Amino acid sequence: MAISLALGRTSPTDNNDPCYPLVRAFLQGFTGRFGSLSCLELTGCHLGTPEGYAAFWERDEKKHCLEYVTEATRSVVEILDSL
């Protein structure tokens, strides 16, 4: 969303193409580092179920989520700073 906010369209007729390679680079980098984009795959917990939600907290998966969010933020900032 941050990449699109910085470089995306301001009207429906604008070209959105400048965003695509940067978003792909971000997604490939994140997946390359962590193996997935899916919360279920990253945590092993289905947060939409009571059992998955309980497992998330029991296994302290929040610390991993913080790492994912930190890395995602750092990566996007790095991408935008390189422009």
PDB file of N, CA and C in Angstrom:
ATOM      1  N   MET A   1       0.830  -1.187   0.000  1.00  0.00           N
ATOM      2  CA  MET A   1       0.000   0.000   0.000  1.00  0.00           C
ATOM      3  C   MET A   1       0.870   1.245   0.000  1.00  0.00           C
ATOM      4  N   ALA A   2       1.976   1.206   0.716  1.00  0.00           N
ATOM      5  CA  ALA A   2       2.841   2.378   0.776  1.00  0.00           C
ATOM      6  C   ALA A   2       3.444   2.691  -0.590  1.00  0.00           C
ATOM      7  N   ILE A   3       3.826   1.651  -1.329  1.00  0.00           N
ATOM      8  CA  ILE A   3       4.375   1.872  -2.666  1.00  0.00           C
ATOM      9  C   ILE A   3       3.316   2.501  -3.559  1.00  0.00           C
ATOM     10  N   SER A   4       2.115   1.987  -3.518  1.00  0.00           N
ATOM     11  CA  SER A   4       1.036   2.548  -4.316  1.00  0.00           C
ATOM     12  C   SER A   4       0.696   3.968  -3.878  1.00  0.00           C
ATOM     13  N   LEU A   5       0.735   4.230  -2.597  1.00  0.00           N
ATOM     14  CA  LEU A   5       0.464   5.570  -2.103  1.00  0.00           C
ATOM     15  C   LEU A   5       1.508   6.552  -2.627  1.00  0.00           C
ATOM     16  N   ALA A   6       2.761   6.126  -2.661  1.00  0.00           N
ATOM     17  CA  ALA A   6       3.835   6.995  -3.117  1.00  0.00           C
ATOM     18  C   ALA A   6       3.857   7.162  -4.631  1.00  0.00           C
ATOM     19  N   LEU A   7       3.535   6.095  -5.370  1.00  0.00           N
ATOM     20  CA  LEU A   7       3.715   6.117  -6.820  1.00  0.00           C
ATOM     21  C   LEU A   7       2.467   5.808  -7.623  1.00  0.00           C
ATOM     22  N   GLY A   8       1.394   5.513  -6.954  1.00  0.00           N
ATOM     23  CA  GLY A   8       0.187   5.067  -7.647  1.00  0.00           C
ATOM     24  C   GLY A   8      -0.583   6.184  -8.310  1.00  0.00           C
ATOM     25  N   ARG A   9      -1.690   5.785  -8.836  1.00  0.00           N
ATOM     26  CA  ARG A   9      -2.539   6.704  -9.580  1.00  0.00           C
ATOM     27  C   ARG A   9      -3.185   7.732  -8.664  1.00  0.00           C
ATOM     28  N   THR A  10      -3.424   8.899  -9.238  1.00  0.00           N
ATOM     29  CA  THR A  10      -4.216   9.907  -8.541  1.00  0.00           C
ATOM     30  C   THR A  10      -5.580  10.059  -9.196  1.00  0.00           C
ATOM     31  N   SER A  11      -5.738   9.412 -10.347  1.00  0.00           N
ATOM     32  CA  SER A  11      -7.043   9.357 -11.001  1.00  0.00           C
ATOM     33  C   SER A  11      -7.153   8.014 -11.714  1.00  0.00           C
ATOM     34  N   PRO A  12      -8.375   7.576 -11.988  1.00  0.00           N
ATOM     35  CA  PRO A  12      -8.563   6.265 -12.628  1.00  0.00           C
ATOM     36  C   PRO A  12      -7.907   6.140 -13.997  1.00  0.00           C
ATOM     37  N   THR A  13      -7.634   7.246 -14.648  1.00  0.00           N
ATOM     38  CA  THR A  13      -7.038   7.190 -15.987  1.00  0.00           C
ATOM     39  C   THR A  13      -5.513   7.203 -15.958  1.00  0.00           C
ATOM     40  N   ASP A  14      -4.910   7.437 -14.803  1.00  0.00           N
ATOM     41  CA  ASP A  14      -3.449   7.423 -14.696  1.00  0.00           C
ATOM     42  C   ASP A  14      -2.909   6.017 -14.888  1.00  0.00           C
ATOM     43  N   ASN A  15      -1.673   5.939 -15.305  1.00  0.00           N
ATOM     44  CA  ASN A  15      -0.981   4.672 -15.492  1.00  0.00           C
ATOM     45  C   ASN A  15      -0.458   4.177 -14.145  1.00  0.00           C
ATOM     46  N   ASN A  16      -0.759   2.938 -13.803  1.00  0.00           N
ATOM     47  CA  ASN A  16      -0.312   2.355 -12.534  1.00  0.00           C
ATOM     48  C   ASN A  16       0.953   1.509 -12.709  1.00  0.00           C
ATOM     49  N   ASP A  17       1.452   1.409 -13.937  1.00  0.00           N
ATOM     50  CA  ASP A  17       2.594   0.548 -14.232  1.00  0.00           C
ATOM     51  C   ASP A  17       3.841   0.814 -13.394  1.00  0.00           C
ATOM     52  N   PRO A  18       4.178   2.051 -13.014  1.00  0.00           N
ATOM     53  CA  PRO A  18       5.400   2.254 -12.235  1.00  0.00           C
ATOM     54  C   PRO A  18       5.425   1.500 -10.896  1.00  0.00           C
ATOM     55  N   CYS A  19       4.275   1.183 -10.361  1.00  0.00           N
ATOM     56  CA  CYS A  19       4.201   0.468  -9.081  1.00  0.00           C
ATOM     57  C   CYS A  19       4.546  -1.012  -9.205  1.00  0.00           C
ATOM     58  N   TYR A  20       4.160  -1.625 -10.312  1.00  0.00           N
ATOM     59  CA  TYR A  20       4.230  -3.082 -10.417  1.00  0.00           C
ATOM     60  C   TYR A  20       5.618  -3.673 -10.208  1.00  0.00           C
ATOM     61  N   PRO A  21       6.660  -3.164 -10.851  1.00  0.00           N
ATOM     62  CA  PRO A  21       7.979  -3.785 -10.629  1.00  0.00           C
ATOM     63  C   PRO A  21       8.461  -3.621  -9.188  1.00  0.00           C
ATOM     64  N   LEU A  22       8.117  -2.516  -8.568  1.00  0.00           N
ATOM     65  CA  LEU A  22       8.545  -2.287  -7.187  1.00  0.00           C
ATOM     66  C   LEU A  22       7.789  -3.197  -6.219  1.00  0.00           C
ATOM     67  N   VAL A  23       6.509  -3.382  -6.461  1.00  0.00           N
ATOM     68  CA  VAL A  23       5.718  -4.287  -5.619  1.00  0.00           C
ATOM     69  C   VAL A  23       6.223  -5.715  -5.797  1.00  0.00           C
ATOM     70  N   ARG A  24       6.499  -6.107  -7.053  1.00  0.00           N
ATOM     71  CA  ARG A  24       7.042  -7.453  -7.296  1.00  0.00           C
ATOM     72  C   ARG A  24       8.372  -7.642  -6.567  1.00  0.00           C
ATOM     73  N   ALA A  25       9.230  -6.637  -6.611  1.00  0.00           N
ATOM     74  CA  ALA A  25      10.529  -6.728  -5.920  1.00  0.00           C
ATOM     75  C   ALA A  25      10.319  -6.902  -4.422  1.00  0.00           C
ATOM     76  N   PHE A  26       9.388  -6.142  -3.861  1.00  0.00           N
ATOM     77  CA  PHE A  26       9.096  -6.280  -2.436  1.00  0.00           C
ATOM     78  C   PHE A  26       8.588  -7.684  -2.115  1.00  0.00           C
ATOM     79  N   LEU A  27       7.609  -8.155  -2.874  1.00  0.00           N
ATOM     80  CA  LEU A  27       7.020  -9.467  -2.610  1.00  0.00           C
ATOM     81  C   LEU A  27       8.045 -10.583  -2.763  1.00  0.00           C
ATOM     82  N   GLN A  28       8.881 -10.510  -3.776  1.00  0.00           N
ATOM     83  CA  GLN A  28       9.911 -11.531  -3.975  1.00  0.00           C
ATOM     84  C   GLN A  28      10.932 -11.499  -2.841  1.00  0.00           C
ATOM     85  N   GLY A  29      11.317 -10.311  -2.407  1.00  0.00           N
ATOM     86  CA  GLY A  29      12.270 -10.209  -1.308  1.00  0.00           C
ATOM     87  C   GLY A  29      11.719 -10.765  -0.008  1.00  0.00           C
ATOM     88  N   PHE A  30      10.477 -10.435   0.293  1.00  0.00           N
ATOM     89  CA  PHE A  30       9.850 -10.920   1.526  1.00  0.00           C
ATOM     90  C   PHE A  30       9.696 -12.433   1.487  1.00  0.00           C
ATOM     91  N   THR A  31       9.180 -12.932   0.369  1.00  0.00           N
ATOM     92  CA  THR A  31       8.994 -14.374   0.229  1.00  0.00           C
ATOM     93  C   THR A  31      10.334 -15.096   0.254  1.00  0.00           C
ATOM     94  N   GLY A  32      11.327 -14.511  -0.357  1.00  0.00           N
ATOM     95  CA  GLY A  32      12.654 -15.116  -0.338  1.00  0.00           C
ATOM     96  C   GLY A  32      13.218 -15.226   1.060  1.00  0.00           C
ATOM     97  N   ARG A  33      12.948 -14.239   1.868  1.00  0.00           N
ATOM     98  CA  ARG A  33      13.477 -14.253   3.234  1.00  0.00           C
ATOM     99  C   ARG A  33      12.668 -15.149   4.165  1.00  0.00           C
ATOM    100  N   PHE A  34      11.333 -15.077   4.061  1.00  0.00           N
ATOM    101  CA  PHE A  34      10.475 -15.761   5.024  1.00  0.00           C
ATOM    102  C   PHE A  34       9.744 -16.979   4.461  1.00  0.00           C
ATOM    103  N   GLY A  35       9.743 -17.158   3.159  1.00  0.00           N
ATOM    104  CA  GLY A  35       9.157 -18.347   2.569  1.00  0.00           C
ATOM    105  C   GLY A  35       7.698 -18.251   2.184  1.00  0.00           C
ATOM    106  N   SER A  36       7.022 -17.192   2.563  1.00  0.00           N
ATOM    107  CA  SER A  36       5.599 -17.069   2.267  1.00  0.00           C
ATOM    108  C   SER A  36       5.137 -15.639   2.499  1.00  0.00           C
ATOM    109  N   LEU A  37       3.962 -15.343   1.983  1.00  0.00           N
ATOM    110  CA  LEU A  37       3.283 -14.077   2.277  1.00  0.00           C
ATOM    111  C   LEU A  37       2.072 -14.304   3.179  1.00  0.00           C
ATOM    112  N   SER A  38       1.714 -15.554   3.381  1.00  0.00           N
ATOM    113  CA  SER A  38       0.503 -15.936   4.098  1.00  0.00           C
ATOM    114  C   SER A  38       0.744 -16.006   5.609  1.00  0.00           C
ATOM    115  N   CYS A  39      -0.106 -15.331   6.366  1.00  0.00           N
ATOM    116  CA  CYS A  39      -0.011 -15.396   7.833  1.00  0.00           C
ATOM    117  C   CYS A  39      -0.135 -16.838   8.321  1.00  0.00           C
ATOM    118  N   LEU A  40      -1.040 -17.590   7.717  1.00  0.00           N
ATOM    119  CA  LEU A  40      -1.221 -18.984   8.114  1.00  0.00           C
ATOM    120  C   LEU A  40       0.079 -19.762   7.910  1.00  0.00           C
ATOM    121  N   GLU A  41       0.710 -19.582   6.769  1.00  0.00           N
ATOM    122  CA  GLU A  41       1.952 -20.298   6.510  1.00  0.00           C
ATOM    123  C   GLU A  41       3.107 -19.775   7.363  1.00  0.00           C
ATOM    124  N   LEU A  42       3.129 -18.496   7.607  1.00  0.00           N
ATOM    125  CA  LEU A  42       4.219 -17.912   8.399  1.00  0.00           C
ATOM    126  C   LEU A  42       4.138 -18.308   9.872  1.00  0.00           C
ATOM    127  N   THR A  43       2.933 -18.345  10.406  1.00  0.00           N
ATOM    128  CA  THR A  43       2.775 -18.629  11.836  1.00  0.00           C
ATOM    129  C   THR A  43       2.399 -20.075  12.121  1.00  0.00           C
ATOM    130  N   GLY A  44       1.810 -20.741  11.136  1.00  0.00           N
ATOM    131  CA  GLY A  44       1.305 -22.089  11.370  1.00  0.00           C
ATOM    132  C   GLY A  44       0.003 -22.091  12.152  1.00  0.00           C
ATOM    133  N   CYS A  45      -0.614 -20.926  12.284  1.00  0.00           N
ATOM    134  CA  CYS A  45      -1.846 -20.786  13.069  1.00  0.00           C
ATOM    135  C   CYS A  45      -2.948 -20.182  12.203  1.00  0.00           C
ATOM    136  N   HIS A  46      -4.113 -20.796  12.220  1.00  0.00           N
ATOM    137  CA  HIS A  46      -5.270 -20.233  11.541  1.00  0.00           C
ATOM    138  C   HIS A  46      -5.965 -19.307  12.529  1.00  0.00           C
ATOM    139  N   LEU A  47      -5.722 -18.011  12.359  1.00  0.00           N
ATOM    140  CA  LEU A  47      -6.235 -17.042  13.326  1.00  0.00           C
ATOM    141  C   LEU A  47      -7.744 -16.879  13.280  1.00  0.00           C
ATOM    142  N   GLY A  48      -8.397 -17.477  12.296  1.00  0.00           N
ATOM    143  CA  GLY A  48      -9.852 -17.411  12.199  1.00  0.00           C
ATOM    144  C   GLY A  48     -10.555 -18.481  13.008  1.00  0.00           C
ATOM    145  N   THR A  49      -9.778 -19.309  13.700  1.00  0.00           N
ATOM    146  CA  THR A  49     -10.388 -20.339  14.540  1.00  0.00           C
ATOM    147  C   THR A  49      -9.957 -20.127  15.980  1.00  0.00           C
ATOM    148  N   PRO A  50     -10.787 -20.532  16.936  1.00  0.00           N
ATOM    149  CA  PRO A  50     -10.387 -20.396  18.343  1.00  0.00           C
ATOM    150  C   PRO A  50      -9.100 -21.161  18.645  1.00  0.00           C
ATOM    151  N   GLU A  51      -8.936 -22.327  18.044  1.00  0.00           N
ATOM    152  CA  GLU A  51      -7.740 -23.145  18.292  1.00  0.00           C
ATOM    153  C   GLU A  51      -6.491 -22.467  17.728  1.00  0.00           C
ATOM    154  N   GLY A  52      -6.610 -21.946  16.533  1.00  0.00           N
ATOM    155  CA  GLY A  52      -5.481 -21.259  15.913  1.00  0.00           C
ATOM    156  C   GLY A  52      -5.110 -19.996  16.660  1.00  0.00           C
ATOM    157  N   TYR A  53      -6.114 -19.259  17.083  1.00  0.00           N
ATOM    158  CA  TYR A  53      -5.883 -18.038  17.852  1.00  0.00           C
ATOM    159  C   TYR A  53      -5.176 -18.363  19.168  1.00  0.00           C
ATOM    160  N   ALA A  54      -5.638 -19.400  19.848  1.00  0.00           N
ATOM    161  CA  ALA A  54      -5.015 -19.812  21.114  1.00  0.00           C
ATOM    162  C   ALA A  54      -3.580 -20.267  20.874  1.00  0.00           C
ATOM    163  N   ALA A  55      -3.352 -21.035  19.811  1.00  0.00           N
ATOM    164  CA  ALA A  55      -2.004 -21.511  19.500  1.00  0.00           C
ATOM    165  C   ALA A  55      -1.071 -20.342  19.194  1.00  0.00           C
ATOM    166  N   PHE A  56      -1.583 -19.334  18.501  1.00  0.00           N
ATOM    167  CA  PHE A  56      -0.791 -18.144  18.186  1.00  0.00           C
ATOM    168  C   PHE A  56      -0.215 -17.535  19.458  1.00  0.00           C
ATOM    169  N   TRP A  57      -1.054 -17.383  20.467  1.00  0.00           N
ATOM    170  CA  TRP A  57      -0.609 -16.766  21.716  1.00  0.00           C
ATOM    171  C   TRP A  57       0.212 -17.737  22.561  1.00  0.00           C
ATOM    172  N   GLU A  58      -0.160 -18.992  22.578  1.00  0.00           N
ATOM    173  CA  GLU A  58       0.593 -19.987  23.353  1.00  0.00           C
ATOM    174  C   GLU A  58       2.017 -20.143  22.845  1.00  0.00           C
ATOM    175  N   ARG A  59       2.190 -20.082  21.532  1.00  0.00           N
ATOM    176  CA  ARG A  59       3.518 -20.256  20.938  1.00  0.00           C
ATOM    177  C   ARG A  59       4.262 -18.940  20.778  1.00  0.00           C
ATOM    178  N   ASP A  60       3.667 -17.858  21.256  1.00  0.00           N
ATOM    179  CA  ASP A  60       4.270 -16.525  21.205  1.00  0.00           C
ATOM    180  C   ASP A  60       4.655 -16.137  19.776  1.00  0.00           C
ATOM    181  N   GLU A  61       3.745 -16.377  18.843  1.00  0.00           N
ATOM    182  CA  GLU A  61       4.005 -16.055  17.444  1.00  0.00           C
ATOM    183  C   GLU A  61       4.050 -14.552  17.190  1.00  0.00           C
ATOM    184  N   LYS A  62       3.550 -13.763  18.137  1.00  0.00           N
ATOM    185  CA  LYS A  62       3.557 -12.316  17.964  1.00  0.00           C
ATOM    186  C   LYS A  62       4.962 -11.800  17.711  1.00  0.00           C
ATOM    187  N   LYS A  63       5.955 -12.383  18.364  1.00  0.00           N
ATOM    188  CA  LYS A  63       7.330 -11.910  18.169  1.00  0.00           C
ATOM    189  C   LYS A  63       7.767 -12.100  16.716  1.00  0.00           C
ATOM    190  N   HIS A  64       7.275 -13.171  16.081  1.00  0.00           N
ATOM    191  CA  HIS A  64       7.602 -13.386  14.668  1.00  0.00           C
ATOM    192  C   HIS A  64       6.866 -12.371  13.791  1.00  0.00           C
ATOM    193  N   CYS A  65       5.629 -12.090  14.123  1.00  0.00           N
ATOM    194  CA  CYS A  65       4.866 -11.102  13.363  1.00  0.00           C
ATOM    195  C   CYS A  65       5.552  -9.742  13.411  1.00  0.00           C
ATOM    196  N   LEU A  66       6.080  -9.395  14.566  1.00  0.00           N
ATOM    197  CA  LEU A  66       6.799  -8.128  14.675  1.00  0.00           C
ATOM    198  C   LEU A  66       8.017  -8.119  13.765  1.00  0.00           C
ATOM    199  N   GLU A  67       8.689  -9.241  13.652  1.00  0.00           N
ATOM    200  CA  GLU A  67       9.822  -9.338  12.742  1.00  0.00           C
ATOM    201  C   GLU A  67       9.359  -9.176  11.298  1.00  0.00           C
ATOM    202  N   TYR A  68       8.255  -9.803  10.938  1.00  0.00           N
ATOM    203  CA  TYR A  68       7.741  -9.697   9.571  1.00  0.00           C
ATOM    204  C   TYR A  68       7.354  -8.255   9.236  1.00  0.00           C
ATOM    205  N   VAL A  69       6.661  -7.611  10.142  1.00  0.00           N
ATOM    206  CA  VAL A  69       6.222  -6.235   9.901  1.00  0.00           C
ATOM    207  C   VAL A  69       7.430  -5.294   9.849  1.00  0.00           C
ATOM    208  N   THR A  70       8.380  -5.507  10.731  1.00  0.00           N
ATOM    209  CA  THR A  70       9.589  -4.678  10.726  1.00  0.00           C
ATOM    210  C   THR A  70      10.341  -4.828   9.416  1.00  0.00           C
ATOM    211  N   GLU A  71      10.516  -6.055   8.965  1.00  0.00           N
ATOM    212  CA  GLU A  71      11.224  -6.306   7.712  1.00  0.00           C
ATOM    213  C   GLU A  71      10.456  -5.751   6.519  1.00  0.00           C
ATOM    214  N   ALA A  72       9.152  -5.906   6.512  1.00  0.00           N
ATOM    215  CA  ALA A  72       8.348  -5.379   5.414  1.00  0.00           C
ATOM    216  C   ALA A  72       8.471  -3.858   5.351  1.00  0.00           C
ATOM    217  N   THR A  73       8.393  -3.213   6.481  1.00  0.00           N
ATOM    218  CA  THR A  73       8.510  -1.758   6.540  1.00  0.00           C
ATOM    219  C   THR A  73       9.891  -1.308   6.081  1.00  0.00           C
ATOM    220  N   ARG A  74      10.933  -1.957   6.579  1.00  0.00           N
ATOM    221  CA  ARG A  74      12.297  -1.607   6.205  1.00  0.00           C
ATOM    222  C   ARG A  74      12.492  -1.759   4.699  1.00  0.00           C
ATOM    223  N   SER A  75      11.974  -2.843   4.167  1.00  0.00           N
ATOM    224  CA  SER A  75      12.127  -3.122   2.744  1.00  0.00           C
ATOM    225  C   SER A  75      11.428  -2.079   1.892  1.00  0.00           C
ATOM    226  N   VAL A  76      10.214  -1.720   2.246  1.00  0.00           N
ATOM    227  CA  VAL A  76       9.477  -0.713   1.467  1.00  0.00           C
ATOM    228  C   VAL A  76      10.173   0.643   1.555  1.00  0.00           C
ATOM    229  N   VAL A  77      10.622   1.013   2.721  1.00  0.00           N
ATOM    230  CA  VAL A  77      11.344   2.284   2.869  1.00  0.00           C
ATOM    231  C   VAL A  77      12.597   2.278   2.004  1.00  0.00           C
ATOM    232  N   GLU A  78      13.308   1.175   2.010  1.00  0.00           N
ATOM    233  CA  GLU A  78      14.515   1.037   1.194  1.00  0.00           C
ATOM    234  C   GLU A  78      14.178   1.173  -0.301  1.00  0.00           C
ATOM    235  N   ILE A  79      13.112   0.532  -0.730  1.00  0.00           N
ATOM    236  CA  ILE A  79      12.681   0.617  -2.129  1.00  0.00           C
ATOM    237  C   ILE A  79      12.340   2.063  -2.491  1.00  0.00           C
ATOM    238  N   LEU A  80      11.573   2.719  -1.653  1.00  0.00           N
ATOM    239  CA  LEU A  80      11.157   4.096  -1.943  1.00  0.00           C
ATOM    240  C   LEU A  80      12.333   5.064  -1.858  1.00  0.00           C
ATOM    241  N   ASP A  81      13.253   4.822  -0.948  1.00  0.00           N
ATOM    242  CA  ASP A  81      14.440   5.686  -0.843  1.00  0.00           C
ATOM    243  C   ASP A  81      15.352   5.558  -2.058  1.00  0.00           C
ATOM    244  N   SER A  82      15.287   4.426  -2.737  1.00  0.00           N
ATOM    245  CA  SER A  82      16.163   4.206  -3.880  1.00  0.00           C
ATOM    246  C   SER A  82      15.668   4.927  -5.143  1.00  0.00           C
ATOM    247  N   LEU A  83      14.495   5.501  -5.085  1.00  0.00           N
ATOM    248  CA  LEU A  83      13.940   6.176  -6.270  1.00  0.00           C
ATOM    249  C   LEU A  83      14.512   7.552  -6.454  1.00  0.00           C
TER     250      LEU A  83
END
